[in-house]
Amino acid sequence: MPNEKLFQVAILDDYQGVALSSADWSPLFQKAEITVFQDHLSDAEAVLERLKPFDVLCVMRERTPLTRAILEQLPNLKLICSTGSRNASIVLVGTESYLKHIDGPPPLLNGNRTSTNRSSK
């Protein structure tokens, strides 16, 4: 595994700093580099620049907007995970062609989707 690229995982809006202590992340440590963001960005351009390098977004709260315009410009994005059963900040309508997996407890994603996991075959 020395030549394998690590997945880049972002945990968003962990303002309390509890994400890494609230679950066992150790299975990911050899496969992923995890970055926790405790601050909140409201400017869309700043959000986009911050998230561009990431393969996986873990969304803890409904603070950082993940609009179609932002999602379309994240070239590495493969997975969005949400800790809640609904997340009004994630807008997925129209993203089916490039976003492959969305995971979280059902029903997720502000009524735009009822499926919590989309996989391309």
Protein backbone atom coordinates (compact mmCIF):
# COMPACT_ATOMS: atom_id res chain seq x y z
CA MET A 1 0.00 0.00 0.00
CA PRO A 2 2.97 2.42 0.00
CA ASN A 3 2.08 3.75 -3.47
CA GLU A 4 -1.65 4.08 -2.86
CA LYS A 5 -3.05 7.59 -2.61
CA LEU A 6 -4.82 8.30 0.65
CA PHE A 7 -8.44 9.40 0.43
CA GLN A 8 -8.89 12.97 1.57
CA VAL A 9 -11.74 13.20 4.08
CA ALA A 10 -13.16 16.49 5.39
CA ILE A 11 -15.33 16.71 8.47
CA LEU A 12 -17.27 19.96 8.27
CA ASP A 13 -18.62 22.24 10.98
CA ASP A 14 -17.30 20.31 13.98
CA TYR A 15 -17.37 23.48 16.08
CA GLN A 16 -17.32 21.47 19.32
CA GLY A 17 -14.30 19.40 18.24
CA VAL A 18 -16.00 16.09 19.02
CA ALA A 19 -16.09 14.25 15.67
CA LEU A 20 -12.90 12.23 16.08
CA SER A 21 -13.76 11.23 19.63
CA SER A 22 -17.40 10.33 18.89
CA ALA A 23 -16.63 7.35 16.68
CA ASP A 24 -13.85 4.87 15.99
CA TRP A 25 -12.04 6.33 12.98
CA SER A 26 -9.02 4.02 13.32
CA PRO A 27 -10.02 1.73 10.40
CA LEU A 28 -9.59 4.72 8.10
CA PHE A 29 -6.19 5.90 9.28
CA GLN A 30 -4.21 3.75 6.83
CA LYS A 31 -6.50 4.63 3.90
CA ALA A 32 -7.45 8.24 4.52
CA GLU A 33 -6.16 11.55 5.71
CA ILE A 34 -8.87 13.18 7.84
CA THR A 35 -9.14 16.96 8.18
CA VAL A 36 -11.55 18.45 10.71
CA PHE A 37 -12.89 21.96 10.19
CA GLN A 38 -14.22 23.58 13.35
CA ASP A 39 -14.93 26.95 11.76
CA HIS A 40 -17.76 27.83 9.41
CA LEU A 41 -17.44 29.44 6.01
CA SER A 42 -20.50 31.11 4.53
CA ASP A 43 -18.91 32.49 1.35
CA ALA A 44 -19.47 30.06 -1.54
CA GLU A 45 -16.07 30.74 -3.14
CA ALA A 46 -14.29 30.12 0.16
CA VAL A 47 -16.25 26.88 0.67
CA LEU A 48 -15.36 25.75 -2.84
CA GLU A 49 -11.66 26.47 -2.43
CA ARG A 50 -11.58 24.67 0.91
CA LEU A 51 -13.35 21.54 -0.34
CA LYS A 52 -11.69 21.06 -3.76
CA PRO A 53 -9.03 18.58 -2.61
CA PHE A 54 -11.44 16.26 -0.78
CA ASP A 55 -12.81 12.88 -1.89
CA VAL A 56 -15.24 12.55 1.03
CA LEU A 57 -17.28 15.15 2.91
CA CYS A 58 -18.67 14.33 6.35
CA VAL A 59 -21.36 16.85 7.15
CA MET A 60 -22.15 17.15 10.85
CA ARG A 61 -24.57 20.04 10.79
CA GLU A 62 -26.66 22.09 8.38
CA ARG A 63 -24.26 24.98 8.26
CA THR A 64 -22.03 24.65 5.21
CA PRO A 65 -24.16 24.87 2.06
CA LEU A 66 -23.46 22.13 -0.47
CA THR A 67 -25.33 23.55 -3.42
CA ARG A 68 -25.34 22.13 -6.91
CA ALA A 69 -23.03 24.96 -8.01
CA ILE A 70 -20.48 23.96 -5.37
CA LEU A 71 -20.83 20.20 -5.86
CA GLU A 72 -20.34 20.54 -9.64
CA GLN A 73 -16.94 22.11 -9.04
CA LEU A 74 -15.51 19.52 -6.64
CA PRO A 75 -13.51 17.30 -9.00
CA ASN A 76 -12.46 14.70 -6.42
CA LEU A 77 -15.76 14.28 -4.58
CA LYS A 78 -16.91 10.66 -4.36
CA LEU A 79 -18.97 10.49 -1.17
CA ILE A 80 -21.02 12.70 1.13
CA CYS A 81 -21.90 11.39 4.59
CA SER A 82 -24.33 13.09 6.94
CA THR A 83 -24.79 12.42 10.63
CA GLY A 84 -28.47 13.36 10.57
CA SER A 85 -31.53 11.92 8.91
CA ARG A 86 -32.19 15.20 7.09
CA ASN A 87 -29.82 17.84 5.84
CA ALA A 88 -31.25 20.98 4.28
CA SER A 89 -27.80 22.25 3.31
CA ILE A 90 -27.23 19.49 0.73
CA VAL A 91 -28.91 20.04 -2.63
CA LEU A 92 -28.51 17.04 -4.92
CA VAL A 93 -31.02 17.62 -7.70
CA GLY A 94 -29.08 17.44 -10.96
CA THR A 95 -25.94 15.85 -9.50
CA GLU A 96 -26.73 12.27 -10.50
CA SER A 97 -24.26 12.23 -13.38
CA TYR A 98 -21.15 12.84 -11.29
CA LEU A 99 -21.85 12.19 -7.60
CA LYS A 100 -21.85 8.46 -6.99
CA HIS A 101 -22.54 7.86 -3.27
CA ILE A 102 -24.61 9.62 -0.63
CA ASP A 103 -24.86 7.95 2.76
CA GLY A 104 -26.69 8.69 5.97
CA PRO A 105 -29.69 7.51 7.96
CA PRO A 106 -32.95 7.64 5.95
CA PRO A 107 -34.57 9.89 4.89
CA LEU A 108 -31.69 12.18 4.02
CA LEU A 109 -31.20 15.28 1.96
CA ASN A 110 -33.88 17.94 2.30
CA GLY A 111 -36.54 16.08 0.36
CA ASN A 112 -34.58 16.21 -2.90
CA ARG A 113 -33.79 12.51 -2.73
CA THR A 114 -35.27 9.61 -0.85
CA SER A 115 -32.40 7.26 -1.64
CA THR A 116 -29.53 7.38 0.82
CA ASN A 117 -27.06 5.51 -1.36
CA ARG A 118 -26.56 5.94 -5.08
CA SER A 119 -24.07 3.75 -6.86
CA SER A 120 -23.11 3.76 -10.48
CA LYS A 121 -22.70 0.34 -12.01
